[in-house]
Amino acid sequence: MIKSLHKTDLLILDDWLRDPPSLVEAQFLLDILDDRYGRMATLLVPQFPIPTWHARLPDPTLADSILDRLVYNAHRIELAGDSQRILRGQLTLSST
């Protein structure tokens, strides 16, 4: 699976860091991101603000390396407002 991720044109990590990775998972993640850096796109969909990411990774050195490959060369789109799931749920309830 790791080798196939290296070749993926766009890697989407949904719910980024919802569940903190183990040390081994973080090492695999660094390997994947290092291989992709500057060559292929990676899209993160986080549930937590960027300043909290470092603490959610199991090792400070790994966290520095992972975040260096993700944050500093990124295009960021920050959404504001209520969740669309909440808004659409309210519309569904009000129309019934």
PDB file of N, CA and C in Angstrom:
ATOM      1  N   MET A   1       0.821  -1.192   0.000  1.00  0.00           N
ATOM      2  CA  MET A   1       0.000   0.000   0.000  1.00  0.00           C
ATOM      3  C   MET A   1       0.870   1.262   0.000  1.00  0.00           C
ATOM      4  N   ILE A   2       1.926   1.241   0.774  1.00  0.00           N
ATOM      5  CA  ILE A   2       2.814   2.406   0.856  1.00  0.00           C
ATOM      6  C   ILE A   2       3.380   2.733  -0.529  1.00  0.00           C
ATOM      7  N   LYS A   3       3.806   1.720  -1.285  1.00  0.00           N
ATOM      8  CA  LYS A   3       4.371   1.959  -2.612  1.00  0.00           C
ATOM      9  C   LYS A   3       3.338   2.566  -3.553  1.00  0.00           C
ATOM     10  N   SER A   4       2.086   2.137  -3.452  1.00  0.00           N
ATOM     11  CA  SER A   4       1.053   2.696  -4.331  1.00  0.00           C
ATOM     12  C   SER A   4       0.779   4.160  -3.995  1.00  0.00           C
ATOM     13  N   LEU A   5       0.915   4.549  -2.728  1.00  0.00           N
ATOM     14  CA  LEU A   5       0.712   5.943  -2.341  1.00  0.00           C
ATOM     15  C   LEU A   5       1.803   6.851  -2.906  1.00  0.00           C
ATOM     16  N   HIS A   6       2.988   6.301  -3.070  1.00  0.00           N
ATOM     17  CA  HIS A   6       4.087   7.082  -3.644  1.00  0.00           C
ATOM     18  C   HIS A   6       3.768   7.506  -5.077  1.00  0.00           C
ATOM     19  N   LYS A   7       2.967   6.713  -5.786  1.00  0.00           N
ATOM     20  CA  LYS A   7       2.696   6.949  -7.203  1.00  0.00           C
ATOM     21  C   LYS A   7       1.388   7.695  -7.451  1.00  0.00           C
ATOM     22  N   THR A   8       0.604   7.930  -6.426  1.00  0.00           N
ATOM     23  CA  THR A   8      -0.688   8.589  -6.580  1.00  0.00           C
ATOM     24  C   THR A   8      -0.496  10.068  -6.902  1.00  0.00           C
ATOM     25  N   ASP A   9      -1.164  10.543  -7.970  1.00  0.00           N
ATOM     26  CA  ASP A   9      -1.019  11.947  -8.369  1.00  0.00           C
ATOM     27  C   ASP A   9      -1.542  12.907  -7.307  1.00  0.00           C
ATOM     28  N   LEU A  10      -2.661  12.551  -6.693  1.00  0.00           N
ATOM     29  CA  LEU A  10      -3.249  13.375  -5.635  1.00  0.00           C
ATOM     30  C   LEU A  10      -3.573  12.485  -4.450  1.00  0.00           C
ATOM     31  N   LEU A  11      -2.924  12.734  -3.344  1.00  0.00           N
ATOM     32  CA  LEU A  11      -3.184  12.002  -2.110  1.00  0.00           C
ATOM     33  C   LEU A  11      -4.053  12.887  -1.226  1.00  0.00           C
ATOM     34  N   ILE A  12      -5.248  12.399  -0.869  1.00  0.00           N
ATOM     35  CA  ILE A  12      -6.169  13.156  -0.023  1.00  0.00           C
ATOM     36  C   ILE A  12      -6.193  12.518   1.357  1.00  0.00           C
ATOM     37  N   LEU A  13      -5.845  13.304   2.361  1.00  0.00           N
ATOM     38  CA  LEU A  13      -5.875  12.842   3.748  1.00  0.00           C
ATOM     39  C   LEU A  13      -7.045  13.540   4.440  1.00  0.00           C
ATOM     40  N   ASP A  14      -8.185  12.870   4.451  1.00  0.00           N
ATOM     41  CA  ASP A  14      -9.403  13.419   5.042  1.00  0.00           C
ATOM     42  C   ASP A  14      -9.378  13.191   6.550  1.00  0.00           C
ATOM     43  N   ASP A  15      -9.975  14.094   7.293  1.00  0.00           N
ATOM     44  CA  ASP A  15      -9.963  14.038   8.763  1.00  0.00           C
ATOM     45  C   ASP A  15      -8.533  13.960   9.298  1.00  0.00           C
ATOM     46  N   TRP A  16      -7.656  14.742   8.690  1.00  0.00           N
ATOM     47  CA  TRP A  16      -6.225  14.783   9.042  1.00  0.00           C
ATOM     48  C   TRP A  16      -6.030  14.943  10.542  1.00  0.00           C
ATOM     49  N   LEU A  17      -5.335  14.004  11.135  1.00  0.00           N
ATOM     50  CA  LEU A  17      -4.960  13.961  12.554  1.00  0.00           C
ATOM     51  C   LEU A  17      -6.155  13.862  13.508  1.00  0.00           C
ATOM     52  N   ARG A  18      -7.298  13.417  13.009  1.00  0.00           N
ATOM     53  CA  ARG A  18      -8.432  13.168  13.915  1.00  0.00           C
ATOM     54  C   ARG A  18      -8.006  12.163  14.977  1.00  0.00           C
ATOM     55  N   ASP A  19      -7.345  11.095  14.519  1.00  0.00           N
ATOM     56  CA  ASP A  19      -6.765  10.100  15.423  1.00  0.00           C
ATOM     57  C   ASP A  19      -5.252  10.204  15.285  1.00  0.00           C
ATOM     58  N   PRO A  20      -4.558  10.586  16.342  1.00  0.00           N
ATOM     59  CA  PRO A  20      -3.109  10.742  16.239  1.00  0.00           C
ATOM     60  C   PRO A  20      -2.444   9.431  15.796  1.00  0.00           C
ATOM     61  N   PRO A  21      -1.472   9.513  14.880  1.00  0.00           N
ATOM     62  CA  PRO A  21      -0.816   8.298  14.399  1.00  0.00           C
ATOM     63  C   PRO A  21       0.161   7.736  15.424  1.00  0.00           C
ATOM     64  N   SER A  22       0.428   6.440  15.306  1.00  0.00           N
ATOM     65  CA  SER A  22       1.471   5.819  16.120  1.00  0.00           C
ATOM     66  C   SER A  22       2.828   6.270  15.580  1.00  0.00           C
ATOM     67  N   LEU A  23       3.873   5.930  16.291  1.00  0.00           N
ATOM     68  CA  LEU A  23       5.222   6.293  15.856  1.00  0.00           C
ATOM     69  C   LEU A  23       5.530   5.659  14.498  1.00  0.00           C
ATOM     70  N   VAL A  24       5.194   4.401  14.328  1.00  0.00           N
ATOM     71  CA  VAL A  24       5.437   3.714  13.055  1.00  0.00           C
ATOM     72  C   VAL A  24       4.623   4.351  11.931  1.00  0.00           C
ATOM     73  N   GLU A  25       3.367   4.672  12.190  1.00  0.00           N
ATOM     74  CA  GLU A  25       2.529   5.329  11.176  1.00  0.00           C
ATOM     75  C   GLU A  25       3.090   6.701  10.795  1.00  0.00           C
ATOM     76  N   ALA A  26       3.569   7.441  11.782  1.00  0.00           N
ATOM     77  CA  ALA A  26       4.158   8.754  11.506  1.00  0.00           C
ATOM     78  C   ALA A  26       5.428   8.619  10.664  1.00  0.00           C
ATOM     79  N   GLN A  27       6.213   7.582  10.916  1.00  0.00           N
ATOM     80  CA  GLN A  27       7.421   7.354  10.124  1.00  0.00           C
ATOM     81  C   GLN A  27       7.058   7.015   8.675  1.00  0.00           C
ATOM     82  N   PHE A  28       6.018   6.186   8.476  1.00  0.00           N
ATOM     83  CA  PHE A  28       5.547   5.888   7.122  1.00  0.00           C
ATOM     84  C   PHE A  28       5.040   7.152   6.444  1.00  0.00           C
ATOM     85  N   LEU A  29       4.315   7.957   7.191  1.00  0.00           N
ATOM     86  CA  LEU A  29       3.776   9.202   6.645  1.00  0.00           C
ATOM     87  C   LEU A  29       4.904  10.116   6.182  1.00  0.00           C
ATOM     88  N   LEU A  30       5.930  10.255   6.986  1.00  0.00           N
ATOM     89  CA  LEU A  30       7.074  11.081   6.597  1.00  0.00           C
ATOM     90  C   LEU A  30       7.718  10.532   5.324  1.00  0.00           C
ATOM     91  N   ASP A  31       7.868   9.240   5.232  1.00  0.00           N
ATOM     92  CA  ASP A  31       8.459   8.624   4.048  1.00  0.00           C
ATOM     93  C   ASP A  31       7.632   8.949   2.805  1.00  0.00           C
ATOM     94  N   ILE A  32       6.325   8.825   2.916  1.00  0.00           N
ATOM     95  CA  ILE A  32       5.431   9.115   1.792  1.00  0.00           C
ATOM     96  C   ILE A  32       5.510  10.591   1.408  1.00  0.00           C
ATOM     97  N   LEU A  33       5.410  11.473   2.408  1.00  0.00           N
ATOM     98  CA  LEU A  33       5.427  12.908   2.134  1.00  0.00           C
ATOM     99  C   LEU A  33       6.769  13.371   1.579  1.00  0.00           C
ATOM    100  N   ASP A  34       7.833  12.791   2.077  1.00  0.00           N
ATOM    101  CA  ASP A  34       9.161  13.151   1.594  1.00  0.00           C
ATOM    102  C   ASP A  34       9.305  12.770   0.126  1.00  0.00           C
ATOM    103  N   ASP A  35       8.805  11.611  -0.243  1.00  0.00           N
ATOM    104  CA  ASP A  35       8.884  11.160  -1.623  1.00  0.00           C
ATOM    105  C   ASP A  35       8.026  12.027  -2.556  1.00  0.00           C
ATOM    106  N   ARG A  36       6.899  12.518  -2.061  1.00  0.00           N
ATOM    107  CA  ARG A  36       5.962  13.301  -2.868  1.00  0.00           C
ATOM    108  C   ARG A  36       6.338  14.778  -2.948  1.00  0.00           C
ATOM    109  N   TYR A  37       7.119  15.254  -1.996  1.00  0.00           N
ATOM    110  CA  TYR A  37       7.377  16.688  -1.850  1.00  0.00           C
ATOM    111  C   TYR A  37       7.879  17.322  -3.143  1.00  0.00           C
ATOM    112  N   GLY A  38       7.156  18.334  -3.604  1.00  0.00           N
ATOM    113  CA  GLY A  38       7.537  19.070  -4.793  1.00  0.00           C
ATOM    114  C   GLY A  38       7.248  18.350  -6.099  1.00  0.00           C
ATOM    115  N   ARG A  39       6.691  17.136  -6.034  1.00  0.00           N
ATOM    116  CA  ARG A  39       6.441  16.365  -7.249  1.00  0.00           C
ATOM    117  C   ARG A  39       4.965  16.026  -7.454  1.00  0.00           C
ATOM    118  N   MET A  40       4.250  15.786  -6.370  1.00  0.00           N
ATOM    119  CA  MET A  40       2.854  15.378  -6.459  1.00  0.00           C
ATOM    120  C   MET A  40       2.039  16.117  -5.397  1.00  0.00           C
ATOM    121  N   ALA A  41       0.739  16.219  -5.634  1.00  0.00           N
ATOM    122  CA  ALA A  41      -0.128  16.987  -4.740  1.00  0.00           C
ATOM    123  C   ALA A  41      -0.621  16.146  -3.567  1.00  0.00           C
ATOM    124  N   THR A  42      -0.732  16.814  -2.433  1.00  0.00           N
ATOM    125  CA  THR A  42      -1.316  16.221  -1.238  1.00  0.00           C
ATOM    126  C   THR A  42      -2.334  17.211  -0.697  1.00  0.00           C
ATOM    127  N   LEU A  43      -3.536  16.728  -0.458  1.00  0.00           N
ATOM    128  CA  LEU A  43      -4.623  17.560   0.036  1.00  0.00           C
ATOM    129  C   LEU A  43      -4.993  17.095   1.435  1.00  0.00           C
ATOM    130  N   LEU A  44      -4.970  18.019   2.385  1.00  0.00           N
ATOM    131  CA  LEU A  44      -5.348  17.703   3.768  1.00  0.00           C
ATOM    132  C   LEU A  44      -6.700  18.310   4.072  1.00  0.00           C
ATOM    133  N   VAL A  45      -7.524  17.557   4.764  1.00  0.00           N
ATOM    134  CA  VAL A  45      -8.811  18.057   5.234  1.00  0.00           C
ATOM    135  C   VAL A  45      -8.781  17.883   6.759  1.00  0.00           C
ATOM    136  N   PRO A  46      -8.297  18.915   7.470  1.00  0.00           N
ATOM    137  CA  PRO A  46      -8.127  18.782   8.919  1.00  0.00           C
ATOM    138  C   PRO A  46      -9.388  19.155   9.698  1.00  0.00           C
ATOM    139  N   GLN A  47      -9.454  18.653  10.898  1.00  0.00           N
ATOM    140  CA  GLN A  47     -10.513  19.015  11.826  1.00  0.00           C
ATOM    141  C   GLN A  47      -9.972  19.882  12.958  1.00  0.00           C
ATOM    142  N   PHE A  48      -8.658  20.083  12.951  1.00  0.00           N
ATOM    143  CA  PHE A  48      -7.997  20.846  14.008  1.00  0.00           C
ATOM    144  C   PHE A  48      -7.163  21.962  13.385  1.00  0.00           C
ATOM    145  N   PRO A  49      -7.013  23.086  14.083  1.00  0.00           N
ATOM    146  CA  PRO A  49      -6.177  24.174  13.553  1.00  0.00           C
ATOM    147  C   PRO A  49      -4.705  23.770  13.480  1.00  0.00           C
ATOM    148  N   ILE A  50      -3.996  24.343  12.533  1.00  0.00           N
ATOM    149  CA  ILE A  50      -2.592  24.010  12.301  1.00  0.00           C
ATOM    150  C   ILE A  50      -1.730  24.104  13.561  1.00  0.00           C
ATOM    151  N   PRO A  51      -1.906  25.113  14.421  1.00  0.00           N
ATOM    152  CA  PRO A  51      -1.049  25.176  15.617  1.00  0.00           C
ATOM    153  C   PRO A  51      -1.156  23.960  16.546  1.00  0.00           C
ATOM    154  N   THR A  52      -2.192  23.145  16.414  1.00  0.00           N
ATOM    155  CA  THR A  52      -2.338  21.964  17.281  1.00  0.00           C
ATOM    156  C   THR A  52      -1.757  20.690  16.665  1.00  0.00           C
ATOM    157  N   TRP A  53      -1.362  20.749  15.398  1.00  0.00           N
ATOM    158  CA  TRP A  53      -0.899  19.540  14.719  1.00  0.00           C
ATOM    159  C   TRP A  53       0.366  18.954  15.332  1.00  0.00           C
ATOM    160  N   HIS A  54       1.304  19.788  15.676  1.00  0.00           N
ATOM    161  CA  HIS A  54       2.588  19.305  16.208  1.00  0.00           C
ATOM    162  C   HIS A  54       2.368  18.407  17.424  1.00  0.00           C
ATOM    163  N   ALA A  55       1.517  18.815  18.317  1.00  0.00           N
ATOM    164  CA  ALA A  55       1.272  18.041  19.540  1.00  0.00           C
ATOM    165  C   ALA A  55       0.536  16.732  19.266  1.00  0.00           C
ATOM    166  N   ARG A  56      -0.124  16.606  18.135  1.00  0.00           N
ATOM    167  CA  ARG A  56      -0.885  15.397  17.814  1.00  0.00           C
ATOM    168  C   ARG A  56      -0.004  14.317  17.166  1.00  0.00           C
ATOM    169  N   LEU A  57       1.236  14.663  16.847  1.00  0.00           N
ATOM    170  CA  LEU A  57       2.171  13.697  16.276  1.00  0.00           C
ATOM    171  C   LEU A  57       3.053  13.150  17.388  1.00  0.00           C
ATOM    172  N   PRO A  58       3.454  11.866  17.300  1.00  0.00           N
ATOM    173  CA  PRO A  58       4.045  11.181  18.462  1.00  0.00           C
ATOM    174  C   PRO A  58       5.478  11.560  18.824  1.00  0.00           C
ATOM    175  N   ASP A  59       6.200  12.207  17.926  1.00  0.00           N
ATOM    176  CA  ASP A  59       7.603  12.516  18.180  1.00  0.00           C
ATOM    177  C   ASP A  59       7.902  13.914  17.656  1.00  0.00           C
ATOM    178  N   PRO A  60       8.495  14.772  18.467  1.00  0.00           N
ATOM    179  CA  PRO A  60       8.737  16.157  18.033  1.00  0.00           C
ATOM    180  C   PRO A  60       9.584  16.291  16.770  1.00  0.00           C
ATOM    181  N   THR A  61      10.592  15.447  16.607  1.00  0.00           N
ATOM    182  CA  THR A  61      11.444  15.520  15.424  1.00  0.00           C
ATOM    183  C   THR A  61      10.669  15.096  14.180  1.00  0.00           C
ATOM    184  N   LEU A  62       9.909  14.012  14.306  1.00  0.00           N
ATOM    185  CA  LEU A  62       9.060  13.575  13.192  1.00  0.00           C
ATOM    186  C   LEU A  62       8.018  14.635  12.870  1.00  0.00           C
ATOM    187  N   ALA A  63       7.433  15.217  13.898  1.00  0.00           N
ATOM    188  CA  ALA A  63       6.420  16.262  13.699  1.00  0.00           C
ATOM    189  C   ALA A  63       7.014  17.428  12.921  1.00  0.00           C
ATOM    190  N   ASP A  64       8.207  17.864  13.294  1.00  0.00           N
ATOM    191  CA  ASP A  64       8.872  18.957  12.567  1.00  0.00           C
ATOM    192  C   ASP A  64       9.057  18.607  11.090  1.00  0.00           C
ATOM    193  N   SER A  65       9.509  17.398  10.837  1.00  0.00           N
ATOM    194  CA  SER A  65       9.770  16.972   9.463  1.00  0.00           C
ATOM    195  C   SER A  65       8.489  16.856   8.645  1.00  0.00           C
ATOM    196  N   ILE A  66       7.464  16.260   9.223  1.00  0.00           N
ATOM    197  CA  ILE A  66       6.183  16.101   8.531  1.00  0.00           C
ATOM    198  C   ILE A  66       5.571  17.460   8.234  1.00  0.00           C
ATOM    199  N   LEU A  67       5.523  18.315   9.239  1.00  0.00           N
ATOM    200  CA  LEU A  67       4.896  19.620   9.058  1.00  0.00           C
ATOM    201  C   LEU A  67       5.700  20.513   8.113  1.00  0.00           C
ATOM    202  N   ASP A  68       7.012  20.352   8.101  1.00  0.00           N
ATOM    203  CA  ASP A  68       7.840  21.111   7.169  1.00  0.00           C
ATOM    204  C   ASP A  68       7.445  20.803   5.729  1.00  0.00           C
ATOM    205  N   ARG A  69       7.115  19.553   5.458  1.00  0.00           N
ATOM    206  CA  ARG A  69       6.741  19.145   4.105  1.00  0.00           C
ATOM    207  C   ARG A  69       5.300  19.499   3.753  1.00  0.00           C
ATOM    208  N   LEU A  70       4.490  19.781   4.751  1.00  0.00           N
ATOM    209  CA  LEU A  70       3.072  20.066   4.513  1.00  0.00           C
ATOM    210  C   LEU A  70       2.714  21.543   4.585  1.00  0.00           C
ATOM    211  N   VAL A  71       3.182  22.224   5.581  1.00  0.00           N
ATOM    212  CA  VAL A  71       2.677  23.556   5.899  1.00  0.00           C
ATOM    213  C   VAL A  71       3.369  24.677   5.134  1.00  0.00           C
ATOM    214  N   TYR A  72       4.671  24.618   5.000  1.00  0.00           N
ATOM    215  CA  TYR A  72       5.418  25.785   4.551  1.00  0.00           C
ATOM    216  C   TYR A  72       5.356  26.041   3.047  1.00  0.00           C
ATOM    217  N   ASN A  73       4.955  25.071   2.272  1.00  0.00           N
ATOM    218  CA  ASN A  73       4.848  25.255   0.824  1.00  0.00           C
ATOM    219  C   ASN A  73       3.402  25.043   0.377  1.00  0.00           C
ATOM    220  N   ALA A  74       2.463  25.254   1.279  1.00  0.00           N
ATOM    221  CA  ALA A  74       1.064  24.904   1.024  1.00  0.00           C
ATOM    222  C   ALA A  74       0.244  26.095   0.537  1.00  0.00           C
ATOM    223  N   HIS A  75      -0.783  25.778  -0.187  1.00  0.00           N
ATOM    224  CA  HIS A  75      -1.845  26.728  -0.510  1.00  0.00           C
ATOM    225  C   HIS A  75      -2.967  26.424   0.465  1.00  0.00           C
ATOM    226  N   ARG A  76      -3.355  27.406   1.262  1.00  0.00           N
ATOM    227  CA  ARG A  76      -4.360  27.161   2.302  1.00  0.00           C
ATOM    228  C   ARG A  76      -5.687  27.796   1.927  1.00  0.00           C
ATOM    229  N   ILE A  77      -6.731  27.029   2.139  1.00  0.00           N
ATOM    230  CA  ILE A  77      -8.093  27.519   1.970  1.00  0.00           C
ATOM    231  C   ILE A  77      -8.796  27.264   3.299  1.00  0.00           C
ATOM    232  N   GLU A  78      -9.122  28.333   3.989  1.00  0.00           N
ATOM    233  CA  GLU A  78      -9.784  28.191   5.278  1.00  0.00           C
ATOM    234  C   GLU A  78     -11.248  28.564   5.121  1.00  0.00           C
ATOM    235  N   LEU A  79     -12.104  27.651   5.470  1.00  0.00           N
ATOM    236  CA  LEU A  79     -13.538  27.877   5.362  1.00  0.00           C
ATOM    237  C   LEU A  79     -14.061  28.495   6.648  1.00  0.00           C
ATOM    238  N   ALA A  80     -15.059  29.335   6.514  1.00  0.00           N
ATOM    239  CA  ALA A  80     -15.682  29.970   7.680  1.00  0.00           C
ATOM    240  C   ALA A  80     -17.166  29.624   7.677  1.00  0.00           C
ATOM    241  N   GLY A  81     -17.767  29.706   8.828  1.00  0.00           N
ATOM    242  CA  GLY A  81     -19.202  29.462   8.917  1.00  0.00           C
ATOM    243  C   GLY A  81     -19.514  28.079   9.453  1.00  0.00           C
ATOM    244  N   ASP A  82     -20.800  27.799   9.491  1.00  0.00           N
ATOM    245  CA  ASP A  82     -21.264  26.531  10.032  1.00  0.00           C
ATOM    246  C   ASP A  82     -21.004  25.386   9.055  1.00  0.00           C
ATOM    247  N   SER A  83     -20.960  24.206   9.601  1.00  0.00           N
ATOM    248  CA  SER A  83     -20.798  23.007   8.804  1.00  0.00           C
ATOM    249  C   SER A  83     -21.971  22.833   7.845  1.00  0.00           C
ATOM    250  N   GLN A  84     -21.660  22.428   6.623  1.00  0.00           N
ATOM    251  CA  GLN A  84     -22.721  22.188   5.638  1.00  0.00           C
ATOM    252  C   GLN A  84     -23.612  21.023   6.073  1.00  0.00           C
ATOM    253  N   ARG A  85     -23.070  20.083   6.786  1.00  0.00           N
ATOM    254  CA  ARG A  85     -23.892  18.977   7.295  1.00  0.00           C
ATOM    255  C   ARG A  85     -24.963  19.508   8.248  1.00  0.00           C
ATOM    256  N   ILE A  86     -24.586  20.441   9.085  1.00  0.00           N
ATOM    257  CA  ILE A  86     -25.547  21.030  10.017  1.00  0.00           C
ATOM    258  C   ILE A  86     -26.589  21.836   9.261  1.00  0.00           C
ATOM    259  N   LEU A  87     -26.120  22.686   8.339  1.00  0.00           N
ATOM    260  CA  LEU A  87     -27.046  23.528   7.583  1.00  0.00           C
ATOM    261  C   LEU A  87     -28.004  22.696   6.737  1.00  0.00           C
ATOM    262  N   ARG A  88     -27.499  21.705   6.066  1.00  0.00           N
ATOM    263  CA  ARG A  88     -28.358  20.857   5.223  1.00  0.00           C
ATOM    264  C   ARG A  88     -29.296  20.008   6.061  1.00  0.00           C
ATOM    265  N   GLY A  89     -28.845  19.605   7.234  1.00  0.00           N
ATOM    266  CA  GLY A  89     -29.715  18.851   8.138  1.00  0.00           C
ATOM    267  C   GLY A  89     -30.872  19.699   8.616  1.00  0.00           C
ATOM    268  N   GLN A  90     -30.609  20.966   8.895  1.00  0.00           N
ATOM    269  CA  GLN A  90     -31.660  21.874   9.336  1.00  0.00           C
ATOM    270  C   GLN A  90     -32.659  22.119   8.202  1.00  0.00           C
ATOM    271  N   LEU A  91     -32.178  22.246   6.973  1.00  0.00           N
ATOM    272  CA  LEU A  91     -33.071  22.423   5.821  1.00  0.00           C
ATOM    273  C   LEU A  91     -33.963  21.213   5.627  1.00  0.00           C
ATOM    274  N   THR A  92     -33.408  20.036   5.795  1.00  0.00           N
ATOM    275  CA  THR A  92     -34.185  18.812   5.639  1.00  0.00           C
ATOM    276  C   THR A  92     -35.261  18.720   6.711  1.00  0.00           C
ATOM    277  N   LEU A  93     -34.893  19.044   7.940  1.00  0.00           N
ATOM    278  CA  LEU A  93     -35.864  18.996   9.041  1.00  0.00           C
ATOM    279  C   LEU A  93     -36.969  20.023   8.859  1.00  0.00           C
ATOM    280  N   SER A  94     -36.624  21.204   8.375  1.00  0.00           N
ATOM    281  CA  SER A  94     -37.633  22.260   8.244  1.00  0.00           C
ATOM    282  C   SER A  94     -38.585  22.009   7.074  1.00  0.00           C
ATOM    283  N   SER A  95     -38.149  21.185   6.102  1.00  0.00           N
ATOM    284  CA  SER A  95     -39.024  20.924   4.946  1.00  0.00           C
ATOM    285  C   SER A  95     -39.926  19.717   5.150  1.00  0.00           C
ATOM    286  N   THR A  96     -39.757  19.013   6.259  1.00  0.00           N
ATOM    287  CA  THR A  96     -40.620  17.837   6.504  1.00  0.00           C
ATOM    288  C   THR A  96     -41.781  18.176   7.390  1.00  0.00           C
TER     289      THR A  96
END
